[in-house]
C-alpha atoms as a PDB file:
ATOM      1  CA  MET A   1     172.325 159.220  30.325  1.00  0.00           C
ATOM      2  CA  SER A   2     170.295 160.344  33.349  1.00  0.00           C
ATOM      3  CA  ARG A   3     168.288 157.891  35.506  1.00  0.00           C
ATOM      4  CA  LEU A   4     164.616 158.228  35.964  1.00  0.00           C
ATOM      5  CA  PRO A   5     163.551 158.768  39.615  1.00  0.00           C
ATOM      6  CA  THR A   6     162.451 155.581  41.443  1.00  0.00           C
ATOM      7  CA  ARG A   7     158.949 155.580  42.890  1.00  0.00           C
ATOM      8  CA  ARG A   8     158.122 153.532  45.938  1.00  0.00           C
ATOM      9  CA  VAL A   9     154.794 151.827  45.935  1.00  0.00           C
ATOM     10  CA  SER A  10     153.465 151.045  49.474  1.00  0.00           C
ATOM     11  CA  GLN A  11     151.413 147.942  50.102  1.00  0.00           C
ATOM     12  CA  PRO A  12     147.879 148.426  51.450  1.00  0.00           C
ATOM     13  CA  ARG A  13     147.610 147.938  55.275  1.00  0.00           C
ATOM     14  CA  THR A  14     145.985 144.686  56.266  1.00  0.00           C
ATOM     15  CA  GLY A  15     145.087 145.454  59.917  1.00  0.00           C
ATOM     16  CA  ARG A  16     141.631 144.836  61.400  1.00  0.00           C
ATOM     17  CA  PRO A  17     139.042 147.363  60.410  1.00  0.00           C
ATOM     18  CA  ILE A  18     137.969 149.708  63.168  1.00  0.00           C
ATOM     19  CA  ARG A  19     134.398 149.167  64.194  1.00  0.00           C
ATOM     20  CA  ARG A  20     132.573 152.133  65.499  1.00  0.00           C
ATOM     21  CA  SER A  21     129.817 151.709  68.012  1.00  0.00           C
ATOM     22  CA  SER A  22     126.445 152.307  66.569  1.00  0.00           C
ATOM     23  CA  ALA A  23     123.771 154.434  68.063  1.00  0.00           C
ATOM     24  CA  LEU A  24     121.497 151.359  68.212  1.00  0.00           C
ATOM     25  CA  LEU A  25     123.899 149.514  70.562  1.00  0.00           C
ATOM     26  CA  SER A  26     124.094 152.479  72.867  1.00  0.00           C
ATOM     27  CA  ARG A  27     120.343 152.662  73.086  1.00  0.00           C
ATOM     28  CA  THR A  28     120.171 148.921  73.940  1.00  0.00           C
ATOM     29  CA  ARG A  29     122.628 149.337  76.767  1.00  0.00           C
ATOM     30  CA  ALA A  30     120.793 152.323  78.090  1.00  0.00           C
ATOM     31  CA  LEU A  31     117.498 150.409  78.005  1.00  0.00           C
ATOM     32  CA  ALA A  32     119.041 147.443  79.874  1.00  0.00           C
ATOM     33  CA  ALA A  33     120.411 149.752  82.539  1.00  0.00           C
ATOM     34  CA  LEU A  34     117.016 151.371  82.914  1.00  0.00           C
ATOM     35  CA  VAL A  35     115.365 147.956  83.373  1.00  0.00           C
ATOM     36  CA  LEU A  36     117.853 147.067  86.103  1.00  0.00           C
ATOM     37  CA  VAL A  37     117.207 150.308  87.888  1.00  0.00           C
ATOM     38  CA  LEU A  38     113.453 149.858  87.699  1.00  0.00           C
ATOM     39  CA  ALA A  39     113.734 146.254  88.948  1.00  0.00           C
ATOM     40  CA  GLY A  40     115.838 147.394  91.870  1.00  0.00           C
ATOM     41  CA  LEU A  41     113.333 150.101  92.719  1.00  0.00           C
ATOM     42  CA  ALA A  42     110.491 147.566  92.518  1.00  0.00           C
ATOM     43  CA  ILE A  43     112.266 145.162  94.866  1.00  0.00           C
ATOM     44  CA  TYR A  44     113.032 147.987  97.251  1.00  0.00           C
ATOM     45  CA  GLY A  45     109.421 149.086  97.145  1.00  0.00           C
ATOM     46  CA  MET A  46     108.165 145.593  97.896  1.00  0.00           C
ATOM     47  CA  GLY A  47     110.674 145.227 100.704  1.00  0.00           C
ATOM     48  CA  ALA A  48     109.523 148.446 102.303  1.00  0.00           C
ATOM     49  CA  SER A  49     105.815 147.855 101.755  1.00  0.00           C
ATOM     50  CA  PRO A  50     103.648 146.924 104.774  1.00  0.00           C
ATOM     51  CA  VAL A  51     101.447 144.883 102.425  1.00  0.00           C
ATOM     52  CA  PHE A  52     103.939 141.974 102.626  1.00  0.00           C
ATOM     53  CA  ALA A  53     104.283 141.944 106.409  1.00  0.00           C
ATOM     54  CA  TYR A  54     104.276 138.603 108.266  1.00  0.00           C
ATOM     55  CA  HIS A  55     101.118 137.848 110.249  1.00  0.00           C
ATOM     56  CA  ARG A  56     100.511 134.055 110.308  1.00  0.00           C
ATOM     57  CA  VAL A  57     101.979 130.542 110.018  1.00  0.00           C
ATOM     58  CA  ASP A  58     100.311 127.898 107.833  1.00  0.00           C
ATOM     59  CA  LEU A  59     101.392 124.658 109.547  1.00  0.00           C
ATOM     60  CA  GLN A  60     100.972 121.351 107.699  1.00  0.00           C
ATOM     61  CA  GLY A  61     101.815 117.776 108.694  1.00  0.00           C
ATOM     62  CA  ALA A  62     101.835 118.390 112.450  1.00  0.00           C
ATOM     63  CA  THR A  63     100.333 115.640 114.605  1.00  0.00           C
ATOM     64  CA  TRP A  64     102.698 115.574 117.567  1.00  0.00           C
ATOM     65  CA  THR A  65     104.171 119.072 117.170  1.00  0.00           C
ATOM     66  CA  SER A  66     102.321 122.094 118.550  1.00  0.00           C
ATOM     67  CA  ALA A  67     101.842 125.269 116.522  1.00  0.00           C
ATOM     68  CA  SER A  68     103.095 127.326 119.469  1.00  0.00           C
ATOM     69  CA  ASP A  69     106.413 125.439 119.503  1.00  0.00           C
ATOM     70  CA  VAL A  70     106.842 125.986 115.756  1.00  0.00           C
ATOM     71  CA  THR A  71     106.037 129.707 115.988  1.00  0.00           C
ATOM     72  CA  ALA A  72     108.367 130.198 118.931  1.00  0.00           C
ATOM     73  CA  LEU A  73     111.231 128.383 117.219  1.00  0.00           C
ATOM     74  CA  LEU A  74     110.836 130.338 113.971  1.00  0.00           C
ATOM     75  CA  GLY A  75     111.241 133.527 115.993  1.00  0.00           C
ATOM     76  CA  ILE A  76     109.757 135.839 113.344  1.00  0.00           C
ATOM     77  CA  SER A  77     108.342 139.076 114.702  1.00  0.00           C
ATOM     78  CA  ASP A  78     104.863 140.052 113.610  1.00  0.00           C
ATOM     79  CA  GLY A  79     105.098 142.652 110.849  1.00  0.00           C
ATOM     80  CA  THR A  80     108.442 141.410 109.480  1.00  0.00           C
ATOM     81  CA  ASN A  81     108.618 141.998 105.728  1.00  0.00           C
ATOM     82  CA  LEU A  82     108.458 138.641 103.955  1.00  0.00           C
ATOM     83  CA  VAL A  83     110.015 139.775 100.682  1.00  0.00           C
ATOM     84  CA  THR A  84     113.447 140.149 102.254  1.00  0.00           C
ATOM     85  CA  LEU A  85     113.099 137.283 104.745  1.00  0.00           C
ATOM     86  CA  ARG A  86     115.721 134.538 104.473  1.00  0.00           C
ATOM     87  CA  THR A  87     114.281 131.067 105.148  1.00  0.00           C
ATOM     88  CA  ASP A  88     117.536 129.132 104.775  1.00  0.00           C
ATOM     89  CA  ASP A  89     118.030 128.274 108.431  1.00  0.00           C
ATOM     90  CA  LEU A  90     114.385 128.196 109.536  1.00  0.00           C
ATOM     91  CA  ALA A  91     113.861 124.581 108.450  1.00  0.00           C
ATOM     92  CA  THR A  92     117.075 123.578 110.228  1.00  0.00           C
ATOM     93  CA  ARG A  93     115.720 125.054 113.444  1.00  0.00           C
ATOM     94  CA  LEU A  94     112.509 123.035 113.164  1.00  0.00           C
ATOM     95  CA  VAL A  95     114.357 119.737 112.693  1.00  0.00           C
ATOM     96  CA  GLY A  96     115.600 120.305 116.236  1.00  0.00           C
ATOM     97  CA  LEU A  97     112.088 119.571 117.545  1.00  0.00           C
ATOM     98  CA  PRO A  98     111.947 115.972 118.902  1.00  0.00           C
ATOM     99  CA  ALA A  99     108.991 114.849 116.769  1.00  0.00           C
ATOM    100  CA  VAL A 100     110.230 116.366 113.482  1.00  0.00           C
ATOM    101  CA  ARG A 101     112.237 114.331 110.952  1.00  0.00           C
ATOM    102  CA  SER A 102     112.360 116.992 108.234  1.00  0.00           C
ATOM    103  CA  ALA A 103     110.834 120.391 107.510  1.00  0.00           C
ATOM    104  CA  GLU A 104     110.294 122.782 104.610  1.00  0.00           C
ATOM    105  CA  VAL A 105     109.703 126.512 105.119  1.00  0.00           C
ATOM    106  CA  ARG A 106     108.638 128.929 102.396  1.00  0.00           C
ATOM    107  CA  VAL A 107     107.076 132.353 102.034  1.00  0.00           C
ATOM    108  CA  VAL A 108     103.528 132.639 100.710  1.00  0.00           C
ATOM    109  CA  LEU A 109     102.736 136.248  99.887  1.00  0.00           C
ATOM    110  CA  PRO A 110     101.272 138.481 101.003  1.00  0.00           C
ATOM    111  CA  ASN A 111     101.596 137.653 104.732  1.00  0.00           C
ATOM    112  CA  THR A 112     102.111 133.922 105.426  1.00  0.00           C
ATOM    113  CA  ILE A 113     104.915 131.507 106.288  1.00  0.00           C
ATOM    114  CA  ARG A 114     104.118 127.972 105.045  1.00  0.00           C
ATOM    115  CA  VAL A 115     105.657 125.181 107.152  1.00  0.00           C
ATOM    116  CA  ASP A 116     105.470 121.545 105.988  1.00  0.00           C
ATOM    117  CA  LEU A 117     106.606 118.964 108.555  1.00  0.00           C
ATOM    118  CA  VAL A 118     107.440 115.283 108.199  1.00  0.00           C
ATOM    119  CA  GLU A 119     107.143 113.827 111.680  1.00  0.00           C
ATOM    120  CA  ARG A 120     108.418 110.668 113.321  1.00  0.00           C
ATOM    121  CA  GLN A 121     105.888 107.839 113.346  1.00  0.00           C
ATOM    122  CA  PRO A 122     105.408 105.819 116.548  1.00  0.00           C
ATOM    123  CA  ILE A 123     105.685 102.022 116.461  1.00  0.00           C
ATOM    124  CA  LEU A 124     105.328 101.335 120.200  1.00  0.00           C
ATOM    125  CA  VAL A 125     104.779 102.905 123.608  1.00  0.00           C
ATOM    126  CA  TRP A 126     107.601 102.725 126.155  1.00  0.00           C
ATOM    127  CA  GLN A 127     106.187 102.980 129.666  1.00  0.00           C
ATOM    128  CA  THR A 128     108.385 103.749 132.681  1.00  0.00           C
ATOM    129  CA  GLY A 129     107.861 105.144 136.150  1.00  0.00           C
ATOM    130  CA  GLY A 130     108.312 108.585 134.602  1.00  0.00           C
ATOM    131  CA  GLY A 131     105.521 108.280 132.056  1.00  0.00           C
ATOM    132  CA  ARG A 132     104.586 106.873 128.667  1.00  0.00           C
ATOM    133  CA  PHE A 133     106.620 107.750 125.581  1.00  0.00           C
ATOM    134  CA  LEU A 134     106.015 107.261 121.879  1.00  0.00           C
ATOM    135  CA  VAL A 135     109.015 105.640 120.191  1.00  0.00           C
ATOM    136  CA  ASP A 136     109.732 105.560 116.459  1.00  0.00           C
ATOM    137  CA  ALA A 137     111.407 102.882 114.341  1.00  0.00           C
ATOM    138  CA  SER A 138     114.882 104.216 115.146  1.00  0.00           C
ATOM    139  CA  GLY A 139     114.310 103.836 118.881  1.00  0.00           C
ATOM    140  CA  VAL A 140     113.931 107.549 119.671  1.00  0.00           C
ATOM    141  CA  ALA A 141     111.384 108.627 122.290  1.00  0.00           C
ATOM    142  CA  PHE A 142     109.873 111.781 120.789  1.00  0.00           C
ATOM    143  CA  VAL A 143     106.584 112.444 122.617  1.00  0.00           C
ATOM    144  CA  GLN A 144     105.482 111.951 126.221  1.00  0.00           C
ATOM    145  CA  LEU A 145     101.805 111.144 126.498  1.00  0.00           C
ATOM    146  CA  ALA A 146      99.669 112.744 129.168  1.00  0.00           C
ATOM    147  CA  ASP A 147      98.527 110.363 131.895  1.00  0.00           C
ATOM    148  CA  SER A 148      94.926 110.627 130.736  1.00  0.00           C
ATOM    149  CA  ALA A 149      95.688 110.451 127.009  1.00  0.00           C
ATOM    150  CA  PRO A 150      94.443 107.334 125.185  1.00  0.00           C
ATOM    151  CA  LEU A 151      96.998 105.151 123.459  1.00  0.00           C
ATOM    152  CA  PRO A 152      97.194 105.328 119.661  1.00  0.00           C
ATOM    153  CA  ASN A 153      95.320 102.387 118.188  1.00  0.00           C
ATOM    154  CA  GLY A 154      97.348  99.287 117.479  1.00  0.00           C
ATOM    155  CA  LEU A 155     100.537 100.303 119.295  1.00  0.00           C
ATOM    156  CA  PRO A 156     101.997  97.728 121.704  1.00  0.00           C
ATOM    157  CA  THR A 157     103.136  98.884 125.137  1.00  0.00           C
ATOM    158  CA  ILE A 158     106.456  97.833 126.667  1.00  0.00           C
ATOM    159  CA  THR A 159     106.559  98.302 130.444  1.00  0.00           C
ATOM    160  CA  ASP A 160     110.126  99.019 131.545  1.00  0.00           C
ATOM    161  CA  ALA A 161     110.235  98.365 135.305  1.00  0.00           C
ATOM    162  CA  ARG A 162     114.024  98.484 135.618  1.00  0.00           C
ATOM    163  CA  VAL A 163     115.531 100.795 138.198  1.00  0.00           C
ATOM    164  CA  ALA A 164     117.748 102.384 135.529  1.00  0.00           C
ATOM    165  CA  GLY A 165     115.042 102.372 132.872  1.00  0.00           C
ATOM    166  CA  ALA A 166     114.460 106.125 132.805  1.00  0.00           C
ATOM    167  CA  VAL A 167     113.523 107.619 129.423  1.00  0.00           C
ATOM    168  CA  SER A 168     113.179 111.244 128.360  1.00  0.00           C
ATOM    169  CA  ILE A 169     112.041 113.037 125.210  1.00  0.00           C
ATOM    170  CA  GLY A 170     114.750 112.864 122.572  1.00  0.00           C
ATOM    171  CA  SER A 171     116.592 109.930 124.158  1.00  0.00           C
ATOM    172  CA  SER A 172     117.224 106.610 122.423  1.00  0.00           C
ATOM    173  CA  ILE A 173     116.303 103.191 123.771  1.00  0.00           C
ATOM    174  CA  ASP A 174     119.224 100.762 124.116  1.00  0.00           C
ATOM    175  CA  PRO A 175     119.456  99.094 120.666  1.00  0.00           C
ATOM    176  CA  VAL A 176     119.487  95.498 121.973  1.00  0.00           C
ATOM    177  CA  ALA A 177     116.551  96.092 124.306  1.00  0.00           C
ATOM    178  CA  PHE A 178     114.689  97.936 121.566  1.00  0.00           C
ATOM    179  CA  ASP A 179     115.240  95.110 119.076  1.00  0.00           C
ATOM    180  CA  ALA A 180     113.873  92.571 121.555  1.00  0.00           C
ATOM    181  CA  ALA A 181     110.965  94.854 122.482  1.00  0.00           C
ATOM    182  CA  THR A 182     109.841  95.287 118.871  1.00  0.00           C
ATOM    183  CA  ARG A 183     109.925  91.529 118.282  1.00  0.00           C
ATOM    184  CA  LEU A 184     108.039  90.643 121.456  1.00  0.00           C
ATOM    185  CA  GLY A 185     105.676  93.594 121.234  1.00  0.00           C
ATOM    186  CA  SER A 186     104.500  92.529 117.790  1.00  0.00           C
ATOM    187  CA  LEU A 187     103.286  89.128 119.034  1.00  0.00           C
ATOM    188  CA  THR A 188      99.579  88.344 119.330  1.00  0.00           C
ATOM    189  CA  PRO A 189      97.847  85.486 121.178  1.00  0.00           C
ATOM    190  CA  ALA A 190      97.123  83.895 117.796  1.00  0.00           C
ATOM    191  CA  ASP A 191     100.887  83.750 117.083  1.00  0.00           C
ATOM    192  CA  LEU A 192     101.231  81.512 120.144  1.00  0.00           C
ATOM    193  CA  GLY A 193      98.083  79.473 119.631  1.00  0.00           C
ATOM    194  CA  SER A 194      96.794  80.982 122.862  1.00  0.00           C
ATOM    195  CA  ALA A 195      93.259  81.674 124.030  1.00  0.00           C
ATOM    196  CA  ALA A 196      94.399  84.829 125.866  1.00  0.00           C
ATOM    197  CA  ASN A 197      92.717  88.162 125.275  1.00  0.00           C
ATOM    198  CA  GLY A 198      96.043  89.971 125.174  1.00  0.00           C
ATOM    199  CA  LEU A 199      99.761  89.882 125.965  1.00  0.00           C
ATOM    200  CA  VAL A 200     101.635  92.193 128.340  1.00  0.00           C
ATOM    201  CA  VAL A 201     105.373  92.664 127.722  1.00  0.00           C
ATOM    202  CA  THR A 202     107.497  93.718 130.703  1.00  0.00           C
ATOM    203  CA  LEU A 203     111.222  94.315 131.202  1.00  0.00           C
ATOM    204  CA  THR A 204     112.594  93.877 134.748  1.00  0.00           C
ATOM    205  CA  ASP A 205     115.985  93.787 136.436  1.00  0.00           C
ATOM    206  CA  ASP A 206     115.626  90.230 137.751  1.00  0.00           C
ATOM    207  CA  GLN A 207     113.991  88.380 134.843  1.00  0.00           C
ATOM    208  CA  GLY A 208     114.618  90.455 131.754  1.00  0.00           C
ATOM    209  CA  PHE A 209     111.766  90.307 129.227  1.00  0.00           C
ATOM    210  CA  THR A 210     108.569  88.519 130.205  1.00  0.00           C
ATOM    211  CA  ILE A 211     105.198  88.054 128.514  1.00  0.00           C
ATOM    212  CA  LYS A 212     102.033  87.631 130.546  1.00  0.00           C
ATOM    213  CA  ALA A 213      98.916  86.213 128.931  1.00  0.00           C
ATOM    214  CA  VAL A 214      95.817  87.947 130.255  1.00  0.00           C
ATOM    215  CA  PRO A 215      93.492  87.505 131.926  1.00  0.00           C
ATOM    216  CA  GLY A 216      95.045  85.231 134.534  1.00  0.00           C
ATOM    217  CA  LEU A 217      96.807  82.700 132.346  1.00  0.00           C
ATOM    218  CA  TRP A 218     100.544  81.999 132.174  1.00  0.00           C
ATOM    219  CA  THR A 219     103.749  84.077 132.309  1.00  0.00           C
ATOM    220  CA  ALA A 220     106.674  83.303 129.983  1.00  0.00           C
ATOM    221  CA  VAL A 221     110.209  84.412 130.877  1.00  0.00           C
ATOM    222  CA  PHE A 222     112.209  85.193 127.736  1.00  0.00           C
ATOM    223  CA  GLY A 223     115.165  86.576 129.705  1.00  0.00           C
ATOM    224  CA  PHE A 224     117.980  88.991 128.911  1.00  0.00           C
ATOM    225  CA  TYR A 225     119.584  89.640 125.530  1.00  0.00           C
ATOM    226  CA  THR A 226     123.058  90.692 124.425  1.00  0.00           C
ATOM    227  CA  THR A 227     124.641  91.575 121.108  1.00  0.00           C
ATOM    228  CA  SER A 228     126.486  88.257 120.700  1.00  0.00           C
ATOM    229  CA  LEU A 229     125.931  85.506 123.309  1.00  0.00           C
ATOM    230  CA  ARG A 230     122.143  85.813 123.475  1.00  0.00           C
ATOM    231  CA  PRO A 231     120.982  88.105 120.653  1.00  0.00           C
ATOM    232  CA  PRO A 232     117.327  89.033 120.047  1.00  0.00           C
ATOM    233  CA  SER A 233     117.472  87.001 116.834  1.00  0.00           C
ATOM    234  CA  ILE A 234     116.743  83.858 118.912  1.00  0.00           C
ATOM    235  CA  ILE A 235     113.269  85.178 119.785  1.00  0.00           C
ATOM    236  CA  PRO A 236     111.447  83.506 116.828  1.00  0.00           C
ATOM    237  CA  ASP A 237     112.786  80.112 118.001  1.00  0.00           C
ATOM    238  CA  GLN A 238     111.780  80.919 121.586  1.00  0.00           C
ATOM    239  CA  VAL A 239     108.286  81.745 120.355  1.00  0.00           C
ATOM    240  CA  ARG A 240     108.004  78.391 118.570  1.00  0.00           C
ATOM    241  CA  LEU A 241     109.214  76.637 121.721  1.00  0.00           C
ATOM    242  CA  LEU A 242     106.672  78.473 123.889  1.00  0.00           C
ATOM    243  CA  LYS A 243     103.882  77.594 121.476  1.00  0.00           C
ATOM    244  CA  SER A 244     104.768  73.899 121.694  1.00  0.00           C
ATOM    245  CA  LEU A 245     104.923  73.962 125.500  1.00  0.00           C
ATOM    246  CA  ILE A 246     101.491  75.502 126.040  1.00  0.00           C
ATOM    247  CA  ALA A 247      99.756  73.574 123.272  1.00  0.00           C
ATOM    248  CA  GLY A 248      96.965  71.427 124.738  1.00  0.00           C
ATOM    249  CA  ARG A 249      97.754  72.411 128.314  1.00  0.00           C
ATOM    250  CA  GLU A 250      97.428  76.207 128.430  1.00  0.00           C
ATOM    251  CA  PRO A 251      94.758  76.366 131.196  1.00  0.00           C
ATOM    252  CA  THR A 252      97.076  74.424 133.539  1.00  0.00           C
ATOM    253  CA  ILE A 253     100.291  76.349 132.871  1.00  0.00           C
ATOM    254  CA  GLU A 254     101.506  78.736 135.568  1.00  0.00           C
ATOM    255  CA  SER A 255     104.826  79.867 134.116  1.00  0.00           C
ATOM    256  CA  VAL A 256     107.310  79.032 131.381  1.00  0.00           C
ATOM    257  CA  ILE A 257     111.062  79.649 131.404  1.00  0.00           C
ATOM    258  CA  LEU A 258     112.698  79.771 127.965  1.00  0.00           C
ATOM    259  CA  ALA A 259     116.363  79.142 128.695  1.00  0.00           C
ATOM    260  CA  ASP A 260     117.323  79.482 125.048  1.00  0.00           C
ATOM    261  CA  ALA A 261     115.954  78.705 121.603  1.00  0.00           C
ATOM    262  CA  GLN A 262     115.761  74.927 122.244  1.00  0.00           C
ATOM    263  CA  ASN A 263     115.371  74.469 125.998  1.00  0.00           C
ATOM    264  CA  GLY A 264     112.441  75.462 128.161  1.00  0.00           C
ATOM    265  CA  THR A 265     110.566  74.336 131.237  1.00  0.00           C
ATOM    266  CA  TYR A 266     107.144  75.008 132.632  1.00  0.00           C
ATOM    267  CA  THR A 267     105.312  74.765 135.918  1.00  0.00           C
ATOM    268  CA  THR A 268     101.633  74.010 136.351  1.00  0.00           C
ATOM    269  CA  LYS A 269      99.103  75.708 138.554  1.00  0.00           C
ATOM    270  CA  ALA A 270      98.383  74.226 141.963  1.00  0.00           C
ATOM    271  CA  LYS A 271      95.231  72.177 142.011  1.00  0.00           C
ATOM    272  CA  PRO A 272      92.424  73.650 144.127  1.00  0.00           C
END
């Protein structure tokens, strides 16, 4: 008996179907590429256009900083295209100005650089033989006032008559001296129960801090201060002691020496 021939049956292939790119996808890619090209051409055109050339600075927030100093420090040539201008480091340059705490620089098309400054705010005037300087709350001298310039309203003046009391723009006042100066400079005659019209605070090499009540009343010697042995924190107690010493006898007082927060002496004026 003969055998019938065996037939092999192959299983269907289970691989992933082949996806063919459609004409629609190709058109989408072509359109996206065209948009990129057009955007690049537009940016190039704006960058090359004289319409967006730099011509002016719009300066805001400047009280103690001059526009000429800002313009010079920015260093942007007239006619520079603003579209391609990088402003990253311009603000950093401006913070280098003594009166500037922070700065923001941005482009305002078609032809302007906008500069917004936050300046230091003065809390007192430090007067030396070299001039008068505005000092902020951190003790930095940031502006020198002209000899004829009026003082900002409400700012106390500390007269530093020490030989080594030189101050320059950008320098910092010694922290201990500055702490004492802010405490004493904030005092008013009413704080002491005094009939004086004003108080003059002076720092000298031989007596340290003194307060003179004007016109022609008494002088109080507060002395020198250090970080530990005689810190400025004793000043409120010295003020209370001074107030008690002049109470009821102010017209007769010549001078007061405040040795510390609890001990003080006074001398009276010579009788005519």
